[in-house]
Amino acid sequence: QVQLVESGGGLVRPGQSLKLSCKVSEDFGFDRPMAWYRQSPGNQRELVAYITSGGTSNVENPAKDRYTIARDNSKRILYLQMNNLKPEDPGRYFCNRMYGVAAWGPGTQVTVSS
């Protein structure tokens, strides 16, 4: 059964950092473009960043200069380094394929509060 398990979220103060991780099961087919998505209350899930199997990546605005997406293909883990967190960053973060998403994992909650 394909599984995605996100972790690393938490409650932080503005300006602090978090590193999210997403472990995928062996049958997921990790060798394809992967992405992080965010869903905040009242909003649809939105693309945050993506990375190809070869490492080409993109982070959507307005977090382009604060987030970094990375992957470890040997371990089947996707990462999202989030620096200088701001009040607009909170939400539940999910990983999945960039195209043809699989069943969603539980996500990991990011809360930013002073």
C-alpha atoms as a PDB file:
ATOM      1  CA  GLN A   1       0.000   0.000   0.000  1.00  0.00           C
ATOM      2  CA  VAL A   2       1.404   3.355  -1.046  1.00  0.00           C
ATOM      3  CA  GLN A   3       2.115   5.489   1.960  1.00  0.00           C
ATOM      4  CA  LEU A   4       3.321   8.997   2.608  1.00  0.00           C
ATOM      5  CA  VAL A   5       4.227  10.068   6.121  1.00  0.00           C
ATOM      6  CA  GLU A   6       5.035  13.697   6.809  1.00  0.00           C
ATOM      7  CA  SER A   7       6.769  14.945   9.942  1.00  0.00           C
ATOM      8  CA  GLY A   8       8.657  17.882  11.362  1.00  0.00           C
ATOM      9  CA  GLY A   9       5.904  20.418  11.842  1.00  0.00           C
ATOM     10  CA  GLY A  10       5.326  22.305  15.055  1.00  0.00           C
ATOM     11  CA  LEU A  11       4.700  25.594  16.773  1.00  0.00           C
ATOM     12  CA  VAL A  12       7.370  28.190  16.210  1.00  0.00           C
ATOM     13  CA  ARG A  13       7.806  31.925  16.605  1.00  0.00           C
ATOM     14  CA  PRO A  14       8.090  34.262  13.631  1.00  0.00           C
ATOM     15  CA  GLY A  15      11.607  34.187  12.254  1.00  0.00           C
ATOM     16  CA  GLN A  16      12.339  30.646  13.371  1.00  0.00           C
ATOM     17  CA  SER A  17      12.883  27.618  11.152  1.00  0.00           C
ATOM     18  CA  LEU A  18      11.469  24.162  10.614  1.00  0.00           C
ATOM     19  CA  LYS A  19      12.534  21.234   8.493  1.00  0.00           C
ATOM     20  CA  LEU A  20       9.766  19.004   7.229  1.00  0.00           C
ATOM     21  CA  SER A  21      10.351  15.441   6.119  1.00  0.00           C
ATOM     22  CA  CYS A  22       8.240  13.059   4.086  1.00  0.00           C
ATOM     23  CA  LYS A  23       8.995   9.353   3.973  1.00  0.00           C
ATOM     24  CA  VAL A  24       7.353   7.385   1.187  1.00  0.00           C
ATOM     25  CA  SER A  25       6.812   3.666   0.888  1.00  0.00           C
ATOM     26  CA  GLU A  26       8.882   1.505  -1.420  1.00  0.00           C
ATOM     27  CA  ASP A  27       6.022   0.941  -3.850  1.00  0.00           C
ATOM     28  CA  PHE A  28       5.331   4.650  -4.238  1.00  0.00           C
ATOM     29  CA  GLY A  29       7.603   5.166  -7.196  1.00  0.00           C
ATOM     30  CA  PHE A  30       9.774   7.925  -5.779  1.00  0.00           C
ATOM     31  CA  ASP A  31      11.687   8.454  -9.012  1.00  0.00           C
ATOM     32  CA  ARG A  32       9.414  11.187 -10.317  1.00  0.00           C
ATOM     33  CA  PRO A  33       8.803  14.866  -9.573  1.00  0.00           C
ATOM     34  CA  MET A  34       7.746  15.361  -5.975  1.00  0.00           C
ATOM     35  CA  ALA A  35       6.156  18.323  -4.292  1.00  0.00           C
ATOM     36  CA  TRP A  36       5.117  19.907  -1.048  1.00  0.00           C
ATOM     37  CA  TYR A  37       1.623  21.298  -0.707  1.00  0.00           C
ATOM     38  CA  ARG A  38      -0.022  23.439   1.976  1.00  0.00           C
ATOM     39  CA  GLN A  39      -3.605  23.637   3.082  1.00  0.00           C
ATOM     40  CA  SER A  40      -4.716  26.373   5.438  1.00  0.00           C
ATOM     41  CA  PRO A  41      -8.184  26.721   6.961  1.00  0.00           C
ATOM     42  CA  GLY A  42     -10.789  27.766   4.424  1.00  0.00           C
ATOM     43  CA  ASN A  43      -8.416  27.386   1.499  1.00  0.00           C
ATOM     44  CA  GLN A  44      -7.701  24.742  -1.081  1.00  0.00           C
ATOM     45  CA  ARG A  45      -4.513  22.766  -1.029  1.00  0.00           C
ATOM     46  CA  GLU A  46      -1.841  24.706  -2.895  1.00  0.00           C
ATOM     47  CA  LEU A  47       1.535  23.897  -4.350  1.00  0.00           C
ATOM     48  CA  VAL A  48       4.461  25.162  -2.274  1.00  0.00           C
ATOM     49  CA  ALA A  49       7.498  23.674  -4.011  1.00  0.00           C
ATOM     50  CA  TYR A  50       8.521  20.856  -6.304  1.00  0.00           C
ATOM     51  CA  ILE A  51      11.670  18.969  -7.224  1.00  0.00           C
ATOM     52  CA  THR A  52      12.432  16.603 -10.081  1.00  0.00           C
ATOM     53  CA  SER A  53      14.145  13.274  -9.642  1.00  0.00           C
ATOM     54  CA  GLY A  54      17.337  14.899 -10.890  1.00  0.00           C
ATOM     55  CA  GLY A  55      17.181  17.709  -8.352  1.00  0.00           C
ATOM     56  CA  THR A  56      15.836  20.621 -10.369  1.00  0.00           C
ATOM     57  CA  SER A  57      13.560  22.510  -8.028  1.00  0.00           C
ATOM     58  CA  ASN A  58      11.261  25.464  -7.680  1.00  0.00           C
ATOM     59  CA  VAL A  59       9.661  27.191  -4.725  1.00  0.00           C
ATOM     60  CA  GLU A  60       6.537  29.230  -5.308  1.00  0.00           C
ATOM     61  CA  ASN A  61       6.308  32.863  -4.287  1.00  0.00           C
ATOM     62  CA  PRO A  62       6.176  34.376  -1.721  1.00  0.00           C
ATOM     63  CA  ALA A  63       8.388  31.794   0.024  1.00  0.00           C
ATOM     64  CA  LYS A  64      10.900  31.484  -2.803  1.00  0.00           C
ATOM     65  CA  ASP A  65      13.771  33.004  -0.843  1.00  0.00           C
ATOM     66  CA  ARG A  66      12.944  31.267   2.451  1.00  0.00           C
ATOM     67  CA  TYR A  67      12.157  27.650   1.601  1.00  0.00           C
ATOM     68  CA  THR A  68      14.391  24.970   0.148  1.00  0.00           C
ATOM     69  CA  ILE A  69      13.121  21.656  -1.167  1.00  0.00           C
ATOM     70  CA  ALA A  70      15.420  18.658  -1.303  1.00  0.00           C
ATOM     71  CA  ARG A  71      15.237  14.910  -1.666  1.00  0.00           C
ATOM     72  CA  ASP A  72      17.200  11.811  -0.765  1.00  0.00           C
ATOM     73  CA  ASN A  73      16.376   9.290  -3.461  1.00  0.00           C
ATOM     74  CA  SER A  74      18.179   6.425  -1.737  1.00  0.00           C
ATOM     75  CA  LYS A  75      16.087   6.850   1.405  1.00  0.00           C
ATOM     76  CA  ARG A  76      12.879   7.933  -0.390  1.00  0.00           C
ATOM     77  CA  ILE A  77      12.619  11.059   1.734  1.00  0.00           C
ATOM     78  CA  LEU A  78      11.493  14.508   0.643  1.00  0.00           C
ATOM     79  CA  TYR A  79      12.478  17.568   2.686  1.00  0.00           C
ATOM     80  CA  LEU A  80      11.319  21.133   3.025  1.00  0.00           C
ATOM     81  CA  GLN A  81      13.580  23.552   4.883  1.00  0.00           C
ATOM     82  CA  MET A  82      11.535  26.525   6.001  1.00  0.00           C
ATOM     83  CA  ASN A  83      13.466  29.551   7.251  1.00  0.00           C
ATOM     84  CA  ASN A  84      12.335  32.874   8.657  1.00  0.00           C
ATOM     85  CA  LEU A  85       8.803  31.647   9.132  1.00  0.00           C
ATOM     86  CA  LYS A  86       6.110  34.280   8.794  1.00  0.00           C
ATOM     87  CA  PRO A  87       2.460  34.609   9.812  1.00  0.00           C
ATOM     88  CA  GLU A  88       1.380  33.623   6.261  1.00  0.00           C
ATOM     89  CA  ASP A  89       3.198  30.266   6.422  1.00  0.00           C
ATOM     90  CA  PRO A  90       0.958  28.260   8.790  1.00  0.00           C
ATOM     91  CA  GLY A  91      -1.072  25.364   7.505  1.00  0.00           C
ATOM     92  CA  ARG A  92      -0.991  21.641   7.118  1.00  0.00           C
ATOM     93  CA  TYR A  93       1.826  20.557   4.840  1.00  0.00           C
ATOM     94  CA  PHE A  94       1.592  17.490   2.645  1.00  0.00           C
ATOM     95  CA  CYS A  95       3.948  15.815   0.232  1.00  0.00           C
ATOM     96  CA  ASN A  96       2.918  13.999  -2.915  1.00  0.00           C
ATOM     97  CA  ARG A  97       3.760  13.601  -6.550  1.00  0.00           C
ATOM     98  CA  MET A  98       3.885  16.723  -8.646  1.00  0.00           C
ATOM     99  CA  TYR A  99       1.703  15.009 -11.271  1.00  0.00           C
ATOM    100  CA  GLY A 100      -0.836  12.282 -10.680  1.00  0.00           C
ATOM    101  CA  VAL A 101      -1.082  12.544  -6.908  1.00  0.00           C
ATOM    102  CA  ALA A 102      -1.475   9.430  -4.837  1.00  0.00           C
ATOM    103  CA  ALA A 103      -3.606   9.082  -1.717  1.00  0.00           C
ATOM    104  CA  TRP A 104      -2.700  11.865   0.678  1.00  0.00           C
ATOM    105  CA  GLY A 105      -0.846  11.258   3.899  1.00  0.00           C
ATOM    106  CA  PRO A 106      -1.800  12.817   7.218  1.00  0.00           C
ATOM    107  CA  GLY A 107       0.303  15.926   6.672  1.00  0.00           C
ATOM    108  CA  THR A 108       2.184  17.847   9.326  1.00  0.00           C
ATOM    109  CA  GLN A 109       0.931  21.012  10.978  1.00  0.00           C
ATOM    110  CA  VAL A 110       2.957  24.212  10.977  1.00  0.00           C
ATOM    111  CA  THR A 111       1.900  26.984  13.334  1.00  0.00           C
ATOM    112  CA  VAL A 112       3.611  30.342  13.599  1.00  0.00           C
ATOM    113  CA  SER A 113       2.771  32.455  16.594  1.00  0.00           C
ATOM    114  CA  SER A 114       4.490  34.955  18.825  1.00  0.00           C
END
